[in-house]
Amino acid sequence: IVVSYEPIDYPKAMGPDLLLAMNQTSCDSYFSDLKPYGLLVVDSTLVRQIPTSRAVAIPFTDIAREKIGKELVANMVALGAVVRLSQVVAPTVAEEIIAQKVPKPFVEMNLEAFKAGLEAASQVDVDALPANAFGSEDDEL
């Protein structure tokens, strides 16, 4: 997902502030695109080698399986976590959009998964992470 306060004229994220990697291949392929002070968020169920200490590792797939009963909604668990961590959109707004866009028979399951992601990310203190994803952990913003 590309989110910007400016018009988006190219759909590929260039130097994202936050990168969500749901698997090891995505993490390995796109981590180098992340801004130096960007945040890497990974599904720790599937990503075992995390290339930076400026990362948040949450087991999205495990949470989806254990709390919802379906791994298929791991993406919604991740969305909840990203909404909480980034604060780009209010959780209530995201919930409204999910309710509008997801087919009716699956709305409740997806909202439950989204809320599980919000809860999982609420345990994370992003300010306690190193400032720079690539350089010295002593680097200041």
N, C-alpha and C. Protein backbone atom coordinates (compact mmCIF):
# COMPACT_ATOMS: atom_id res chain seq x y z
N ILE A 1 0.86 -1.16 0.00
CA ILE A 1 0.00 0.00 0.00
C ILE A 1 0.90 1.22 0.00
N VAL A 2 0.63 2.13 -0.87
CA VAL A 2 1.37 3.39 -0.91
C VAL A 2 0.44 4.46 -0.34
N VAL A 3 0.87 5.12 0.73
CA VAL A 3 0.11 6.19 1.37
C VAL A 3 0.97 7.44 1.33
N SER A 4 0.37 8.55 0.89
CA SER A 4 1.13 9.78 0.79
C SER A 4 0.22 10.98 0.97
N TYR A 5 0.77 12.06 1.51
CA TYR A 5 0.03 13.31 1.59
C TYR A 5 0.11 14.06 0.26
N GLU A 6 0.99 13.62 -0.62
CA GLU A 6 1.16 14.20 -1.95
C GLU A 6 0.48 13.30 -2.98
N PRO A 7 0.18 13.83 -4.17
CA PRO A 7 -0.37 12.97 -5.22
C PRO A 7 0.58 11.81 -5.54
N ILE A 8 0.03 10.64 -5.78
CA ILE A 8 0.83 9.46 -6.10
C ILE A 8 0.81 9.29 -7.61
N ASP A 9 1.97 9.52 -8.25
CA ASP A 9 2.02 9.41 -9.70
C ASP A 9 2.77 8.17 -10.16
N TYR A 10 3.29 7.40 -9.21
CA TYR A 10 4.01 6.17 -9.54
C TYR A 10 3.69 5.17 -8.43
N PRO A 11 3.11 4.02 -8.78
CA PRO A 11 2.61 3.11 -7.74
C PRO A 11 3.67 2.35 -6.94
N LYS A 12 4.93 2.35 -7.37
CA LYS A 12 5.97 1.65 -6.61
C LYS A 12 6.50 2.59 -5.54
N ALA A 13 6.55 2.08 -4.33
CA ALA A 13 7.05 2.90 -3.22
C ALA A 13 8.54 3.15 -3.41
N MET A 14 8.91 4.40 -3.36
CA MET A 14 10.31 4.80 -3.48
C MET A 14 10.75 5.32 -2.12
N GLY A 15 11.63 4.61 -1.44
CA GLY A 15 12.09 5.03 -0.13
C GLY A 15 10.98 5.09 0.90
N PRO A 16 10.30 3.97 1.14
CA PRO A 16 9.18 4.00 2.09
C PRO A 16 9.64 4.25 3.53
N ASP A 17 8.76 4.87 4.29
CA ASP A 17 9.00 5.11 5.71
C ASP A 17 8.74 3.84 6.52
N LEU A 18 7.89 2.97 5.99
CA LEU A 18 7.55 1.72 6.65
C LEU A 18 7.45 0.64 5.60
N LEU A 19 8.05 -0.51 5.88
CA LEU A 19 7.99 -1.65 4.98
C LEU A 19 7.42 -2.83 5.74
N LEU A 20 6.36 -3.41 5.21
CA LEU A 20 5.77 -4.62 5.78
C LEU A 20 6.22 -5.81 4.95
N ALA A 21 6.90 -6.75 5.59
CA ALA A 21 7.36 -7.97 4.90
C ALA A 21 6.63 -9.16 5.51
N MET A 22 5.80 -9.79 4.71
CA MET A 22 5.01 -10.93 5.18
C MET A 22 5.75 -12.24 5.01
N ASN A 23 6.89 -12.22 4.28
CA ASN A 23 7.69 -13.44 4.11
C ASN A 23 9.16 -13.05 3.91
N GLN A 24 10.02 -14.05 3.98
CA GLN A 24 11.47 -13.79 3.90
C GLN A 24 11.87 -13.23 2.55
N THR A 25 11.28 -13.72 1.47
CA THR A 25 11.63 -13.24 0.14
C THR A 25 11.34 -11.75 0.00
N SER A 26 10.18 -11.32 0.48
CA SER A 26 9.84 -9.89 0.42
C SER A 26 10.78 -9.06 1.26
N CYS A 27 11.11 -9.55 2.43
CA CYS A 27 12.04 -8.84 3.31
C CYS A 27 13.39 -8.67 2.63
N ASP A 28 13.90 -9.76 2.08
CA ASP A 28 15.21 -9.72 1.42
C ASP A 28 15.19 -8.83 0.18
N SER A 29 14.09 -8.85 -0.57
CA SER A 29 14.01 -8.12 -1.83
C SER A 29 13.84 -6.62 -1.65
N TYR A 30 13.10 -6.21 -0.63
CA TYR A 30 12.70 -4.80 -0.54
C TYR A 30 13.29 -4.03 0.64
N PHE A 31 13.97 -4.70 1.55
CA PHE A 31 14.53 -4.00 2.71
C PHE A 31 15.43 -2.84 2.29
N SER A 32 16.23 -3.03 1.28
CA SER A 32 17.18 -1.98 0.87
C SER A 32 16.48 -0.73 0.34
N ASP A 33 15.19 -0.82 0.01
CA ASP A 33 14.43 0.35 -0.44
C ASP A 33 13.99 1.25 0.71
N LEU A 34 14.01 0.72 1.92
CA LEU A 34 13.52 1.44 3.10
C LEU A 34 14.38 2.66 3.38
N LYS A 35 13.75 3.76 3.78
CA LYS A 35 14.50 4.95 4.18
C LYS A 35 15.39 4.61 5.38
N PRO A 36 16.51 5.31 5.55
CA PRO A 36 17.40 5.02 6.68
C PRO A 36 16.71 5.06 8.04
N TYR A 37 15.74 5.92 8.21
CA TYR A 37 15.03 6.01 9.48
C TYR A 37 13.67 5.32 9.39
N GLY A 38 13.50 4.50 8.36
CA GLY A 38 12.26 3.78 8.17
C GLY A 38 12.12 2.62 9.15
N LEU A 39 10.91 2.11 9.21
CA LEU A 39 10.59 1.01 10.12
C LEU A 39 10.26 -0.24 9.32
N LEU A 40 10.91 -1.33 9.66
CA LEU A 40 10.63 -2.63 9.05
C LEU A 40 9.69 -3.38 9.98
N VAL A 41 8.57 -3.84 9.43
CA VAL A 41 7.60 -4.65 10.18
C VAL A 41 7.54 -6.00 9.50
N VAL A 42 7.77 -7.07 10.26
CA VAL A 42 7.81 -8.40 9.65
C VAL A 42 6.86 -9.37 10.35
N ASP A 43 6.39 -10.34 9.56
CA ASP A 43 5.64 -11.47 10.10
C ASP A 43 6.68 -12.46 10.62
N SER A 44 6.87 -12.47 11.92
CA SER A 44 7.92 -13.31 12.49
C SER A 44 7.62 -14.80 12.39
N THR A 45 6.40 -15.15 11.97
CA THR A 45 6.10 -16.55 11.70
C THR A 45 6.91 -17.03 10.50
N LEU A 46 7.07 -16.14 9.51
CA LEU A 46 7.68 -16.53 8.23
C LEU A 46 9.01 -15.85 7.93
N VAL A 47 9.32 -14.77 8.63
CA VAL A 47 10.58 -14.06 8.41
C VAL A 47 11.50 -14.40 9.58
N ARG A 48 12.56 -15.13 9.29
CA ARG A 48 13.48 -15.59 10.33
C ARG A 48 14.77 -14.77 10.39
N GLN A 49 15.17 -14.18 9.27
CA GLN A 49 16.39 -13.37 9.22
C GLN A 49 15.99 -11.91 9.03
N ILE A 50 16.06 -11.16 10.10
CA ILE A 50 15.67 -9.75 10.08
C ILE A 50 16.94 -8.92 9.94
N PRO A 51 17.05 -8.11 8.86
CA PRO A 51 18.32 -7.45 8.54
C PRO A 51 18.63 -6.17 9.33
N THR A 52 17.81 -5.81 10.29
CA THR A 52 18.04 -4.58 11.05
C THR A 52 17.47 -4.72 12.45
N SER A 53 18.00 -3.94 13.36
CA SER A 53 17.42 -3.92 14.71
C SER A 53 16.29 -2.89 14.80
N ARG A 54 16.12 -2.08 13.74
CA ARG A 54 14.98 -1.15 13.69
C ARG A 54 13.81 -1.87 13.02
N ALA A 55 13.35 -2.89 13.68
CA ALA A 55 12.29 -3.73 13.14
C ALA A 55 11.31 -4.11 14.24
N VAL A 56 10.10 -4.34 13.81
CA VAL A 56 9.06 -4.87 14.69
C VAL A 56 8.68 -6.23 14.13
N ALA A 57 8.83 -7.25 14.95
CA ALA A 57 8.52 -8.62 14.54
C ALA A 57 7.29 -9.09 15.30
N ILE A 58 6.22 -9.33 14.56
CA ILE A 58 4.96 -9.80 15.13
C ILE A 58 4.54 -11.04 14.35
N PRO A 59 4.14 -12.10 15.02
CA PRO A 59 3.77 -13.34 14.31
C PRO A 59 2.36 -13.28 13.72
N PHE A 60 2.18 -12.51 12.65
CA PHE A 60 0.86 -12.30 12.06
C PHE A 60 0.17 -13.60 11.68
N THR A 61 0.89 -14.50 11.05
CA THR A 61 0.29 -15.76 10.61
C THR A 61 -0.12 -16.61 11.81
N ASP A 62 0.73 -16.67 12.82
CA ASP A 62 0.37 -17.42 14.04
C ASP A 62 -0.86 -16.82 14.71
N ILE A 63 -0.91 -15.51 14.80
CA ILE A 63 -2.06 -14.84 15.42
C ILE A 63 -3.33 -15.15 14.64
N ALA A 64 -3.25 -15.07 13.32
CA ALA A 64 -4.42 -15.37 12.49
C ALA A 64 -4.90 -16.80 12.72
N ARG A 65 -3.97 -17.72 12.76
CA ARG A 65 -4.32 -19.13 12.96
C ARG A 65 -4.92 -19.36 14.34
N GLU A 66 -4.26 -18.81 15.36
CA GLU A 66 -4.67 -19.09 16.74
C GLU A 66 -5.91 -18.32 17.18
N LYS A 67 -6.04 -17.05 16.78
CA LYS A 67 -7.16 -16.24 17.25
C LYS A 67 -8.38 -16.29 16.33
N ILE A 68 -8.14 -16.45 15.03
CA ILE A 68 -9.23 -16.40 14.06
C ILE A 68 -9.53 -17.79 13.50
N GLY A 69 -8.51 -18.64 13.47
CA GLY A 69 -8.70 -19.98 12.93
C GLY A 69 -8.40 -20.09 11.45
N LYS A 70 -7.90 -19.01 10.85
CA LYS A 70 -7.58 -19.01 9.42
C LYS A 70 -6.34 -18.16 9.15
N GLU A 71 -5.33 -18.79 8.57
CA GLU A 71 -4.11 -18.06 8.20
C GLU A 71 -4.38 -17.02 7.12
N LEU A 72 -5.45 -17.22 6.38
CA LEU A 72 -5.81 -16.34 5.27
C LEU A 72 -5.93 -14.87 5.69
N VAL A 73 -6.27 -14.63 6.95
CA VAL A 73 -6.45 -13.24 7.41
C VAL A 73 -5.21 -12.66 8.07
N ALA A 74 -4.06 -13.29 7.87
CA ALA A 74 -2.81 -12.75 8.41
C ALA A 74 -2.57 -11.33 7.87
N ASN A 75 -3.01 -11.08 6.65
CA ASN A 75 -2.85 -9.73 6.08
C ASN A 75 -3.65 -8.69 6.86
N MET A 76 -4.81 -9.06 7.36
CA MET A 76 -5.62 -8.14 8.16
C MET A 76 -5.01 -7.93 9.55
N VAL A 77 -4.42 -8.97 10.10
CA VAL A 77 -3.69 -8.83 11.37
C VAL A 77 -2.55 -7.83 11.14
N ALA A 78 -1.83 -7.99 10.04
CA ALA A 78 -0.72 -7.09 9.71
C ALA A 78 -1.22 -5.66 9.48
N LEU A 79 -2.36 -5.52 8.81
CA LEU A 79 -2.91 -4.19 8.59
C LEU A 79 -3.22 -3.50 9.92
N GLY A 80 -3.79 -4.23 10.84
CA GLY A 80 -4.06 -3.65 12.16
C GLY A 80 -2.79 -3.18 12.84
N ALA A 81 -1.75 -3.98 12.75
CA ALA A 81 -0.47 -3.61 13.36
C ALA A 81 0.11 -2.37 12.69
N VAL A 82 0.07 -2.32 11.37
CA VAL A 82 0.62 -1.18 10.64
C VAL A 82 -0.17 0.09 10.96
N VAL A 83 -1.49 -0.02 11.05
CA VAL A 83 -2.30 1.14 11.42
C VAL A 83 -1.90 1.65 12.80
N ARG A 84 -1.71 0.75 13.75
CA ARG A 84 -1.32 1.15 15.11
C ARG A 84 0.09 1.75 15.12
N LEU A 85 1.03 1.14 14.42
CA LEU A 85 2.42 1.60 14.45
C LEU A 85 2.62 2.90 13.69
N SER A 86 1.96 3.04 12.55
CA SER A 86 2.18 4.21 11.69
C SER A 86 1.34 5.41 12.10
N GLN A 87 0.18 5.17 12.63
CA GLN A 87 -0.77 6.22 12.99
C GLN A 87 -1.13 7.10 11.80
N VAL A 88 -1.07 6.54 10.60
CA VAL A 88 -1.40 7.28 9.39
C VAL A 88 -2.91 7.46 9.26
N VAL A 89 -3.65 6.50 9.76
CA VAL A 89 -5.12 6.55 9.72
C VAL A 89 -5.64 6.06 11.07
N ALA A 90 -6.74 6.61 11.50
CA ALA A 90 -7.34 6.18 12.77
C ALA A 90 -7.88 4.76 12.63
N PRO A 91 -7.73 3.93 13.64
CA PRO A 91 -8.26 2.56 13.57
C PRO A 91 -9.74 2.51 13.22
N THR A 92 -10.53 3.44 13.73
CA THR A 92 -11.97 3.43 13.43
C THR A 92 -12.23 3.67 11.94
N VAL A 93 -11.43 4.52 11.33
CA VAL A 93 -11.57 4.77 9.89
C VAL A 93 -11.22 3.51 9.11
N ALA A 94 -10.14 2.85 9.49
CA ALA A 94 -9.76 1.60 8.82
C ALA A 94 -10.85 0.54 8.98
N GLU A 95 -11.44 0.46 10.16
CA GLU A 95 -12.53 -0.50 10.39
C GLU A 95 -13.72 -0.21 9.49
N GLU A 96 -14.06 1.06 9.32
CA GLU A 96 -15.17 1.44 8.43
C GLU A 96 -14.87 1.02 7.00
N ILE A 97 -13.65 1.23 6.56
CA ILE A 97 -13.28 0.86 5.19
C ILE A 97 -13.33 -0.65 5.01
N ILE A 98 -12.83 -1.40 5.99
CA ILE A 98 -12.90 -2.86 5.92
C ILE A 98 -14.36 -3.30 5.81
N ALA A 99 -15.23 -2.71 6.63
CA ALA A 99 -16.65 -3.07 6.61
C ALA A 99 -17.30 -2.75 5.26
N GLN A 100 -16.82 -1.71 4.59
CA GLN A 100 -17.37 -1.32 3.29
C GLN A 100 -16.83 -2.17 2.14
N LYS A 101 -15.56 -2.55 2.21
CA LYS A 101 -14.90 -3.19 1.07
C LYS A 101 -14.88 -4.71 1.10
N VAL A 102 -14.92 -5.31 2.27
CA VAL A 102 -14.85 -6.77 2.38
C VAL A 102 -16.26 -7.34 2.15
N PRO A 103 -16.38 -8.43 1.40
CA PRO A 103 -17.70 -9.05 1.21
C PRO A 103 -18.36 -9.35 2.57
N LYS A 104 -19.65 -9.07 2.65
CA LYS A 104 -20.39 -9.17 3.92
C LYS A 104 -20.15 -10.44 4.72
N PRO A 105 -20.12 -11.62 4.10
CA PRO A 105 -19.94 -12.83 4.92
C PRO A 105 -18.59 -12.89 5.64
N PHE A 106 -17.63 -12.07 5.23
CA PHE A 106 -16.28 -12.13 5.78
C PHE A 106 -15.89 -10.90 6.60
N VAL A 107 -16.81 -9.95 6.73
CA VAL A 107 -16.50 -8.70 7.43
C VAL A 107 -16.10 -8.96 8.88
N GLU A 108 -16.90 -9.71 9.61
CA GLU A 108 -16.64 -9.92 11.03
C GLU A 108 -15.28 -10.58 11.26
N MET A 109 -14.97 -11.60 10.47
CA MET A 109 -13.69 -12.30 10.60
C MET A 109 -12.52 -11.35 10.32
N ASN A 110 -12.66 -10.52 9.30
CA ASN A 110 -11.59 -9.58 8.95
C ASN A 110 -11.44 -8.49 10.01
N LEU A 111 -12.53 -8.01 10.55
CA LEU A 111 -12.46 -7.01 11.62
C LEU A 111 -11.83 -7.60 12.88
N GLU A 112 -12.16 -8.84 13.18
CA GLU A 112 -11.55 -9.51 14.34
C GLU A 112 -10.03 -9.63 14.15
N ALA A 113 -9.62 -9.99 12.94
CA ALA A 113 -8.19 -10.11 12.64
C ALA A 113 -7.50 -8.74 12.73
N PHE A 114 -8.15 -7.72 12.17
CA PHE A 114 -7.61 -6.36 12.23
C PHE A 114 -7.40 -5.93 13.68
N LYS A 115 -8.40 -6.18 14.52
CA LYS A 115 -8.30 -5.80 15.94
C LYS A 115 -7.21 -6.59 16.66
N ALA A 116 -7.01 -7.83 16.26
CA ALA A 116 -5.92 -8.63 16.85
C ALA A 116 -4.57 -8.00 16.50
N GLY A 117 -4.43 -7.46 15.30
CA GLY A 117 -3.21 -6.76 14.91
C GLY A 117 -3.00 -5.47 15.68
N LEU A 118 -4.09 -4.72 15.89
CA LEU A 118 -4.00 -3.51 16.71
C LEU A 118 -3.49 -3.86 18.10
N GLU A 119 -4.06 -4.91 18.66
CA GLU A 119 -3.68 -5.34 20.01
C GLU A 119 -2.22 -5.78 20.07
N ALA A 120 -1.80 -6.57 19.09
CA ALA A 120 -0.41 -7.05 19.07
C ALA A 120 0.58 -5.90 18.99
N ALA A 121 0.26 -4.91 18.17
CA ALA A 121 1.18 -3.78 17.99
C ALA A 121 1.14 -2.80 19.16
N SER A 122 0.10 -2.85 19.95
CA SER A 122 0.01 -1.93 21.09
C SER A 122 1.07 -2.24 22.14
N GLN A 123 1.68 -3.42 22.05
CA GLN A 123 2.73 -3.82 22.98
C GLN A 123 4.11 -3.30 22.56
N VAL A 124 4.19 -2.68 21.37
CA VAL A 124 5.47 -2.26 20.79
C VAL A 124 5.76 -0.79 21.12
N ASP A 125 6.98 -0.52 21.55
CA ASP A 125 7.44 0.85 21.77
C ASP A 125 8.41 1.21 20.65
N VAL A 126 7.90 1.82 19.60
CA VAL A 126 8.72 2.17 18.44
C VAL A 126 9.83 3.13 18.83
N ASP A 127 9.57 4.01 19.78
CA ASP A 127 10.59 4.98 20.20
C ASP A 127 11.80 4.32 20.85
N ALA A 128 11.65 3.10 21.32
CA ALA A 128 12.77 2.38 21.95
C ALA A 128 13.68 1.72 20.92
N LEU A 129 13.28 1.71 19.65
CA LEU A 129 14.09 1.09 18.60
C LEU A 129 15.23 2.02 18.19
N PRO A 130 16.31 1.46 17.63
CA PRO A 130 17.39 2.31 17.11
C PRO A 130 16.85 3.29 16.07
N ALA A 131 17.46 4.45 15.97
CA ALA A 131 16.98 5.48 15.05
C ALA A 131 17.21 5.14 13.59
N ASN A 132 18.33 4.50 13.27
CA ASN A 132 18.72 4.29 11.89
C ASN A 132 18.69 2.81 11.54
N ALA A 133 17.93 2.47 10.52
CA ALA A 133 17.79 1.07 10.11
C ALA A 133 19.06 0.51 9.47
N PHE A 134 19.92 1.38 8.92
CA PHE A 134 21.08 0.91 8.16
C PHE A 134 22.41 1.20 8.84
N GLY A 135 22.49 2.32 9.53
CA GLY A 135 23.78 2.74 10.06
C GLY A 135 23.95 2.42 11.52
N SER A 136 24.73 3.23 12.17
CA SER A 136 25.03 3.07 13.58
C SER A 136 23.78 3.27 14.41
N GLU A 137 23.66 2.48 15.46
CA GLU A 137 22.53 2.64 16.35
C GLU A 137 22.65 3.91 17.18
N ASP A 138 23.80 4.56 17.13
CA ASP A 138 24.00 5.81 17.86
C ASP A 138 23.56 7.02 17.04
N ASP A 139 23.21 6.81 15.76
CA ASP A 139 22.82 7.93 14.90
C ASP A 139 21.57 8.61 15.47
N GLU A 140 21.56 9.92 15.38
CA GLU A 140 20.42 10.71 15.85
C GLU A 140 19.57 11.09 14.65
N LEU A 141 18.30 11.37 14.91
CA LEU A 141 17.41 11.86 13.85
C LEU A 141 17.75 13.28 13.51
